[in-house]
Amino acid sequence: MQVDGSNVIQAPRERVWTLLQDPDVLARCVPGVQEMTPDGQGGYTAVLNVAVGPVKGKFKAKVRISDQVPPESMTLQIEAKAPTGIVNAVGVLKLVDQGESTLVNWSGEPKMMGMIASLAGRLIGGISKSQADVFFGNLEKEARNEAQHPATV
């Protein structure tokens, strides 16, 4: 199943790109993240508490970032495992410069296996969109906070 959408972040594209590279920012933006650690290989390991439809659980995830074209696009590959099943997803983010704002076009293809697939499979499109809206809403807050309190060097 293919899912996609667009979200606008009120920050220049280079700033949005920088936020998307920061593991602390990502940990605050991704719904359900308990911990996120760079793995030293261009990705992250994470622990998430996630509810996918009627299935709730603690997922251990590996995230790989590839095909980076700063500050325009990147591909994310996610493998998340829990006792209730496995979620594999490939997603693409494309950042479109709109001056003082950035349009983020995203698309992905989640695949589920195990009990999670049988109980939540039909809901994945709506769940993906909802989770993306939460993520980009949080990213917008991060961009706004940084604009109000820029880091000093």
C-alpha atoms as a PDB file:
ATOM      1  CA  MET A   1       0.000   0.000   0.000  1.00  0.00           C
ATOM      2  CA  GLN A   2       1.338   3.413  -0.979  1.00  0.00           C
ATOM      3  CA  VAL A   3       0.715   6.396   1.325  1.00  0.00           C
ATOM      4  CA  ASP A   4       1.658   9.993   0.664  1.00  0.00           C
ATOM      5  CA  GLY A   5       1.019  13.562   1.683  1.00  0.00           C
ATOM      6  CA  SER A   6       2.406  17.073   1.975  1.00  0.00           C
ATOM      7  CA  ASN A   7       3.083  19.333   4.922  1.00  0.00           C
ATOM      8  CA  VAL A   8       4.345  22.913   5.090  1.00  0.00           C
ATOM      9  CA  ILE A   9       6.959  23.885   7.672  1.00  0.00           C
ATOM     10  CA  GLN A  10       7.360  27.603   8.364  1.00  0.00           C
ATOM     11  CA  ALA A  11      11.142  27.629   8.006  1.00  0.00           C
ATOM     12  CA  PRO A  12      13.605  27.855   5.094  1.00  0.00           C
ATOM     13  CA  ARG A  13      14.486  24.558   3.433  1.00  0.00           C
ATOM     14  CA  GLU A  14      18.077  24.479   4.754  1.00  0.00           C
ATOM     15  CA  ARG A  15      16.769  24.857   8.311  1.00  0.00           C
ATOM     16  CA  VAL A  16      14.218  22.063   7.833  1.00  0.00           C
ATOM     17  CA  TRP A  17      16.965  19.828   6.419  1.00  0.00           C
ATOM     18  CA  THR A  18      19.171  20.553   9.448  1.00  0.00           C
ATOM     19  CA  LEU A  19      16.327  19.708  11.837  1.00  0.00           C
ATOM     20  CA  LEU A  20      15.736  16.409  10.008  1.00  0.00           C
ATOM     21  CA  GLN A  21      19.412  15.473  10.550  1.00  0.00           C
ATOM     22  CA  ASP A  22      19.344  16.062  14.325  1.00  0.00           C
ATOM     23  CA  PRO A  23      18.635  12.869  16.344  1.00  0.00           C
ATOM     24  CA  ASP A  24      17.446  14.879  19.361  1.00  0.00           C
ATOM     25  CA  VAL A  25      14.928  16.742  17.206  1.00  0.00           C
ATOM     26  CA  LEU A  26      13.780  13.499  15.575  1.00  0.00           C
ATOM     27  CA  ALA A  27      13.327  11.875  18.986  1.00  0.00           C
ATOM     28  CA  ARG A  28      11.070  14.756  20.021  1.00  0.00           C
ATOM     29  CA  CYS A  29       9.113  14.713  16.734  1.00  0.00           C
ATOM     30  CA  VAL A  30       8.463  11.013  16.075  1.00  0.00           C
ATOM     31  CA  PRO A  31       5.328   9.904  17.932  1.00  0.00           C
ATOM     32  CA  GLY A  32       5.969   7.328  20.650  1.00  0.00           C
ATOM     33  CA  VAL A  33       9.772   7.498  20.715  1.00  0.00           C
ATOM     34  CA  GLN A  34      11.279   6.507  24.061  1.00  0.00           C
ATOM     35  CA  GLU A  35      14.870   6.586  22.861  1.00  0.00           C
ATOM     36  CA  MET A  36      16.745   7.196  19.624  1.00  0.00           C
ATOM     37  CA  THR A  37      20.455   6.636  19.169  1.00  0.00           C
ATOM     38  CA  PRO A  38      22.667   7.191  16.113  1.00  0.00           C
ATOM     39  CA  ASP A  39      24.183   3.856  15.109  1.00  0.00           C
ATOM     40  CA  GLY A  40      27.287   5.322  13.454  1.00  0.00           C
ATOM     41  CA  GLN A  41      26.295   3.870  10.081  1.00  0.00           C
ATOM     42  CA  GLY A  42      24.066   6.663   8.771  1.00  0.00           C
ATOM     43  CA  GLY A  43      21.029   5.567  10.721  1.00  0.00           C
ATOM     44  CA  TYR A  44      19.450   5.145  14.117  1.00  0.00           C
ATOM     45  CA  THR A  45      18.187   2.537  16.511  1.00  0.00           C
ATOM     46  CA  ALA A  46      15.035   3.445  18.389  1.00  0.00           C
ATOM     47  CA  VAL A  47      12.527   2.163  20.899  1.00  0.00           C
ATOM     48  CA  LEU A  48       8.945   3.283  20.330  1.00  0.00           C
ATOM     49  CA  ASN A  49       5.656   2.754  22.113  1.00  0.00           C
ATOM     50  CA  VAL A  50       3.181   2.635  19.265  1.00  0.00           C
ATOM     51  CA  ALA A  51      -0.496   1.952  18.822  1.00  0.00           C
ATOM     52  CA  VAL A  52      -1.382   0.731  15.335  1.00  0.00           C
ATOM     53  CA  GLY A  53      -5.143   0.461  15.340  1.00  0.00           C
ATOM     54  CA  PRO A  54      -6.092  -1.984  18.097  1.00  0.00           C
ATOM     55  CA  VAL A  55      -2.500  -3.252  18.472  1.00  0.00           C
ATOM     56  CA  LYS A  56      -0.234  -1.565  20.997  1.00  0.00           C
ATOM     57  CA  GLY A  57       3.314  -2.436  21.798  1.00  0.00           C
ATOM     58  CA  LYS A  58       6.943  -1.565  22.233  1.00  0.00           C
ATOM     59  CA  PHE A  59       8.793  -1.676  18.935  1.00  0.00           C
ATOM     60  CA  LYS A  60      12.546  -1.866  18.483  1.00  0.00           C
ATOM     61  CA  ALA A  61      13.385  -0.135  15.234  1.00  0.00           C
ATOM     62  CA  LYS A  62      16.291   0.379  12.890  1.00  0.00           C
ATOM     63  CA  VAL A  63      16.209   3.409  10.607  1.00  0.00           C
ATOM     64  CA  ARG A  64      18.542   3.808   7.633  1.00  0.00           C
ATOM     65  CA  ILE A  65      18.871   7.063   5.736  1.00  0.00           C
ATOM     66  CA  SER A  66      20.045   6.862   2.140  1.00  0.00           C
ATOM     67  CA  ASP A  67      19.937   8.661  -1.186  1.00  0.00           C
ATOM     68  CA  GLN A  68      20.486  12.004   0.517  1.00  0.00           C
ATOM     69  CA  VAL A  69      20.554  15.048  -1.746  1.00  0.00           C
ATOM     70  CA  PRO A  70      20.993  17.944   0.726  1.00  0.00           C
ATOM     71  CA  PRO A  71      18.793  19.924   1.238  1.00  0.00           C
ATOM     72  CA  GLU A  72      16.341  18.403  -1.260  1.00  0.00           C
ATOM     73  CA  SER A  73      15.540  14.756  -0.548  1.00  0.00           C
ATOM     74  CA  MET A  74      16.264  11.574   1.363  1.00  0.00           C
ATOM     75  CA  THR A  75      15.047   8.004   1.597  1.00  0.00           C
ATOM     76  CA  LEU A  76      14.252   6.327   4.910  1.00  0.00           C
ATOM     77  CA  GLN A  77      14.154   2.565   5.419  1.00  0.00           C
ATOM     78  CA  ILE A  78      12.533   1.426   8.645  1.00  0.00           C
ATOM     79  CA  GLU A  79      12.329  -2.014  10.209  1.00  0.00           C
ATOM     80  CA  ALA A  80      10.394  -2.160  13.481  1.00  0.00           C
ATOM     81  CA  LYS A  81       9.864  -5.359  15.478  1.00  0.00           C
ATOM     82  CA  ALA A  82       7.542  -6.127  18.375  1.00  0.00           C
ATOM     83  CA  PRO A  83       6.021  -9.295  19.797  1.00  0.00           C
ATOM     84  CA  THR A  84       2.895  -8.467  17.768  1.00  0.00           C
ATOM     85  CA  GLY A  85       4.689  -8.340  14.430  1.00  0.00           C
ATOM     86  CA  ILE A  86       7.029  -6.526  12.105  1.00  0.00           C
ATOM     87  CA  VAL A  87       6.613  -3.277  10.197  1.00  0.00           C
ATOM     88  CA  ASN A  88       8.930  -2.567   7.273  1.00  0.00           C
ATOM     89  CA  ALA A  89       8.625   0.724   5.438  1.00  0.00           C
ATOM     90  CA  VAL A  90      10.425   2.725   2.819  1.00  0.00           C
ATOM     91  CA  GLY A  91       9.719   6.436   2.713  1.00  0.00           C
ATOM     92  CA  VAL A  92      10.893   9.377   0.656  1.00  0.00           C
ATOM     93  CA  LEU A  93      10.978  13.007   1.790  1.00  0.00           C
ATOM     94  CA  LYS A  94      11.288  15.794  -0.776  1.00  0.00           C
ATOM     95  CA  LEU A  95      11.810  19.336   0.464  1.00  0.00           C
ATOM     96  CA  VAL A  96      10.575  22.110  -1.836  1.00  0.00           C
ATOM     97  CA  ASP A  97      11.975  25.602  -1.201  1.00  0.00           C
ATOM     98  CA  GLN A  98       9.227  28.180  -0.777  1.00  0.00           C
ATOM     99  CA  GLY A  99      11.377  31.012   0.546  1.00  0.00           C
ATOM    100  CA  GLU A 100      10.554  31.389   4.236  1.00  0.00           C
ATOM    101  CA  SER A 101       8.675  28.084   4.280  1.00  0.00           C
ATOM    102  CA  THR A 102       9.296  24.553   3.024  1.00  0.00           C
ATOM    103  CA  LEU A 103       6.840  22.179   1.421  1.00  0.00           C
ATOM    104  CA  VAL A 104       7.656  18.613   2.447  1.00  0.00           C
ATOM    105  CA  ASN A 105       6.221  16.027   0.066  1.00  0.00           C
ATOM    106  CA  TRP A 106       6.389  12.548   1.542  1.00  0.00           C
ATOM    107  CA  SER A 107       5.520   9.094   0.308  1.00  0.00           C
ATOM    108  CA  GLY A 108       5.954   5.668   1.746  1.00  0.00           C
ATOM    109  CA  GLU A 109       5.132   2.031   1.464  1.00  0.00           C
ATOM    110  CA  PRO A 110       4.547   0.304   4.813  1.00  0.00           C
ATOM    111  CA  LYS A 111       4.386  -3.483   4.989  1.00  0.00           C
ATOM    112  CA  MET A 112       3.239  -5.370   8.054  1.00  0.00           C
ATOM    113  CA  MET A 113       3.653  -8.997   9.099  1.00  0.00           C
ATOM    114  CA  GLY A 114       2.283 -10.993  12.006  1.00  0.00           C
ATOM    115  CA  MET A 115      -0.672 -10.224  14.248  1.00  0.00           C
ATOM    116  CA  ILE A 116      -0.293  -6.507  13.572  1.00  0.00           C
ATOM    117  CA  ALA A 117      -1.006  -7.107   9.878  1.00  0.00           C
ATOM    118  CA  SER A 118      -4.191  -9.061  10.525  1.00  0.00           C
ATOM    119  CA  LEU A 119      -5.532  -6.625  13.135  1.00  0.00           C
ATOM    120  CA  ALA A 120      -4.426  -3.255  11.766  1.00  0.00           C
ATOM    121  CA  GLY A 121      -3.598  -3.828   8.095  1.00  0.00           C
ATOM    122  CA  ARG A 122      -6.697  -2.112   6.703  1.00  0.00           C
ATOM    123  CA  LEU A 123      -6.111   0.929   8.908  1.00  0.00           C
ATOM    124  CA  ILE A 124      -2.497   1.589   7.916  1.00  0.00           C
ATOM    125  CA  GLY A 125      -3.238   4.329   5.371  1.00  0.00           C
ATOM    126  CA  GLY A 126      -5.133   6.484   7.853  1.00  0.00           C
ATOM    127  CA  ILE A 127      -2.717   5.708  10.659  1.00  0.00           C
ATOM    128  CA  SER A 128       0.268   6.650   8.474  1.00  0.00           C
ATOM    129  CA  LYS A 129      -1.304   9.993   7.548  1.00  0.00           C
ATOM    130  CA  SER A 130      -2.212  10.718  11.169  1.00  0.00           C
ATOM    131  CA  GLN A 131       1.299   9.881  12.413  1.00  0.00           C
ATOM    132  CA  ALA A 132       2.849  12.016   9.648  1.00  0.00           C
ATOM    133  CA  ASP A 133       0.655  14.957  10.653  1.00  0.00           C
ATOM    134  CA  VAL A 134       1.821  14.599  14.280  1.00  0.00           C
ATOM    135  CA  PHE A 135       5.465  14.336  13.176  1.00  0.00           C
ATOM    136  CA  PHE A 136       5.321  17.408  10.924  1.00  0.00           C
ATOM    137  CA  GLY A 137       3.353  19.369  13.546  1.00  0.00           C
ATOM    138  CA  ASN A 138       6.136  18.609  16.025  1.00  0.00           C
ATOM    139  CA  LEU A 139       8.770  19.543  13.428  1.00  0.00           C
ATOM    140  CA  GLU A 140       6.965  22.864  12.900  1.00  0.00           C
ATOM    141  CA  LYS A 141       7.182  23.517  16.672  1.00  0.00           C
ATOM    142  CA  GLU A 142      10.904  22.705  16.618  1.00  0.00           C
ATOM    143  CA  ALA A 143      11.448  25.154  13.741  1.00  0.00           C
ATOM    144  CA  ARG A 144       9.442  27.836  15.552  1.00  0.00           C
ATOM    145  CA  ASN A 145      11.333  27.271  18.838  1.00  0.00           C
ATOM    146  CA  GLU A 146      14.671  27.525  17.040  1.00  0.00           C
ATOM    147  CA  ALA A 147      13.587  30.761  15.346  1.00  0.00           C
ATOM    148  CA  GLN A 148      12.731  32.231  18.769  1.00  0.00           C
ATOM    149  CA  HIS A 149      15.843  30.861  20.508  1.00  0.00           C
ATOM    150  CA  PRO A 150      18.648  30.442  17.940  1.00  0.00           C
ATOM    151  CA  ALA A 151      21.621  28.374  19.008  1.00  0.00           C
ATOM    152  CA  THR A 152      24.729  30.337  19.791  1.00  0.00           C
ATOM    153  CA  VAL A 153      28.099  29.331  18.450  1.00  0.00           C
END
